[in-house]
Amino acid sequence: MSGSEILSEAEREEMLQDSLQECRGKAFLAARLRSQSGSLDDYIESLSRHAGLFPFTPRKTLTDDLRL
């Protein structure tokens, strides 16, 4: 399992219809190109900027297996 939700038949049909529209394809391509144009520094900055929005509580894990 990949953890992805299973799409309903209506959602699949909607995605298929979107894929057939040229303007939607261009919009998705532009979004993908824009998202891939940033550098690693931009990505780390974005993660740092949004890190406070999600609560994080580390969990304590005890183990007897000390091998690396």
C-alpha atoms as a PDB file:
ATOM      1  CA  MET A   1       0.000   0.000   0.000  1.00  0.00           C
ATOM      2  CA  SER A   2       1.229   3.448  -0.861  1.00  0.00           C
ATOM      3  CA  GLY A   3      -0.930   5.262   1.683  1.00  0.00           C
ATOM      4  CA  SER A   4      -2.891   7.003  -1.054  1.00  0.00           C
ATOM      5  CA  GLU A   5      -6.645   7.179  -0.842  1.00  0.00           C
ATOM      6  CA  ILE A   6      -8.619   5.078  -3.284  1.00  0.00           C
ATOM      7  CA  LEU A   7     -10.480   7.269  -5.765  1.00  0.00           C
ATOM      8  CA  SER A   8     -14.198   6.923  -6.311  1.00  0.00           C
ATOM      9  CA  GLU A   9     -15.525   6.260  -9.790  1.00  0.00           C
ATOM     10  CA  ALA A  10     -16.721   9.884 -10.002  1.00  0.00           C
ATOM     11  CA  GLU A  11     -13.251  11.190  -9.082  1.00  0.00           C
ATOM     12  CA  ARG A  12     -11.639   8.967 -11.692  1.00  0.00           C
ATOM     13  CA  GLU A  13     -14.036  10.219 -14.346  1.00  0.00           C
ATOM     14  CA  GLU A  14     -13.355  13.830 -13.341  1.00  0.00           C
ATOM     15  CA  MET A  15      -9.594  13.279 -13.622  1.00  0.00           C
ATOM     16  CA  LEU A  16     -10.041  11.668 -17.023  1.00  0.00           C
ATOM     17  CA  GLN A  17     -12.110  14.605 -18.249  1.00  0.00           C
ATOM     18  CA  ASP A  18      -9.481  17.040 -16.895  1.00  0.00           C
ATOM     19  CA  SER A  19      -6.747  15.182 -18.756  1.00  0.00           C
ATOM     20  CA  LEU A  20      -8.593  15.591 -22.047  1.00  0.00           C
ATOM     21  CA  GLN A  21      -8.819  19.400 -21.772  1.00  0.00           C
ATOM     22  CA  GLU A  22      -5.815  21.143 -23.315  1.00  0.00           C
ATOM     23  CA  CYS A  23      -6.073  24.230 -21.069  1.00  0.00           C
ATOM     24  CA  ARG A  24      -6.065  22.054 -17.930  1.00  0.00           C
ATOM     25  CA  GLY A  25      -3.009  20.183 -19.204  1.00  0.00           C
ATOM     26  CA  LYS A  26      -1.186  23.467 -19.723  1.00  0.00           C
ATOM     27  CA  ALA A  27      -2.134  24.615 -16.208  1.00  0.00           C
ATOM     28  CA  PHE A  28      -0.815  21.401 -14.648  1.00  0.00           C
ATOM     29  CA  LEU A  29       2.393  21.608 -16.691  1.00  0.00           C
ATOM     30  CA  ALA A  30       2.953  25.226 -15.624  1.00  0.00           C
ATOM     31  CA  ALA A  31       2.388  24.312 -11.962  1.00  0.00           C
ATOM     32  CA  ARG A  32       4.790  21.365 -12.191  1.00  0.00           C
ATOM     33  CA  LEU A  33       7.499  23.439 -13.871  1.00  0.00           C
ATOM     34  CA  ARG A  34       7.099  26.209 -11.303  1.00  0.00           C
ATOM     35  CA  SER A  35       7.304  23.764  -8.396  1.00  0.00           C
ATOM     36  CA  GLN A  36      10.478  22.199  -9.810  1.00  0.00           C
ATOM     37  CA  SER A  37      12.220  25.493 -10.537  1.00  0.00           C
ATOM     38  CA  GLY A  38      13.269  26.170  -6.944  1.00  0.00           C
ATOM     39  CA  SER A  39      16.603  25.259  -5.429  1.00  0.00           C
ATOM     40  CA  LEU A  40      17.277  23.074  -2.413  1.00  0.00           C
ATOM     41  CA  ASP A  41      17.713  26.246  -0.344  1.00  0.00           C
ATOM     42  CA  ASP A  42      14.228  27.413  -1.402  1.00  0.00           C
ATOM     43  CA  TYR A  43      12.788  24.060  -0.362  1.00  0.00           C
ATOM     44  CA  ILE A  44      14.485  24.124   3.060  1.00  0.00           C
ATOM     45  CA  GLU A  45      13.358  27.710   3.602  1.00  0.00           C
ATOM     46  CA  SER A  46       9.783  26.715   2.792  1.00  0.00           C
ATOM     47  CA  LEU A  47       9.935  23.808   5.239  1.00  0.00           C
ATOM     48  CA  SER A  48      11.358  26.080   7.938  1.00  0.00           C
ATOM     49  CA  ARG A  49       8.706  28.737   7.316  1.00  0.00           C
ATOM     50  CA  HIS A  50       5.863  26.229   7.659  1.00  0.00           C
ATOM     51  CA  ALA A  51       7.299  24.038  10.416  1.00  0.00           C
ATOM     52  CA  GLY A  52       5.514  25.994  13.152  1.00  0.00           C
ATOM     53  CA  LEU A  53       2.122  25.232  11.650  1.00  0.00           C
ATOM     54  CA  PHE A  54       2.317  21.541  12.558  1.00  0.00           C
ATOM     55  CA  PRO A  55       2.618  20.381  16.156  1.00  0.00           C
ATOM     56  CA  PHE A  56       5.444  17.972  16.758  1.00  0.00           C
ATOM     57  CA  THR A  57       5.940  15.883  19.865  1.00  0.00           C
ATOM     58  CA  PRO A  58       8.844  13.440  19.734  1.00  0.00           C
ATOM     59  CA  ARG A  59       8.048   9.979  20.972  1.00  0.00           C
ATOM     60  CA  LYS A  60      10.224   8.072  23.369  1.00  0.00           C
ATOM     61  CA  THR A  61      11.291   4.692  22.031  1.00  0.00           C
ATOM     62  CA  LEU A  62      13.152   2.272  24.255  1.00  0.00           C
ATOM     63  CA  THR A  63      15.138  -0.497  22.661  1.00  0.00           C
ATOM     64  CA  ASP A  64      17.554  -3.187  23.781  1.00  0.00           C
ATOM     65  CA  ASP A  65      19.007  -3.551  20.292  1.00  0.00           C
ATOM     66  CA  LEU A  66      22.034  -1.258  20.224  1.00  0.00           C
ATOM     67  CA  ARG A  67      23.421  -2.376  16.871  1.00  0.00           C
ATOM     68  CA  LEU A  68      23.908   0.202  14.131  1.00  0.00           C
END
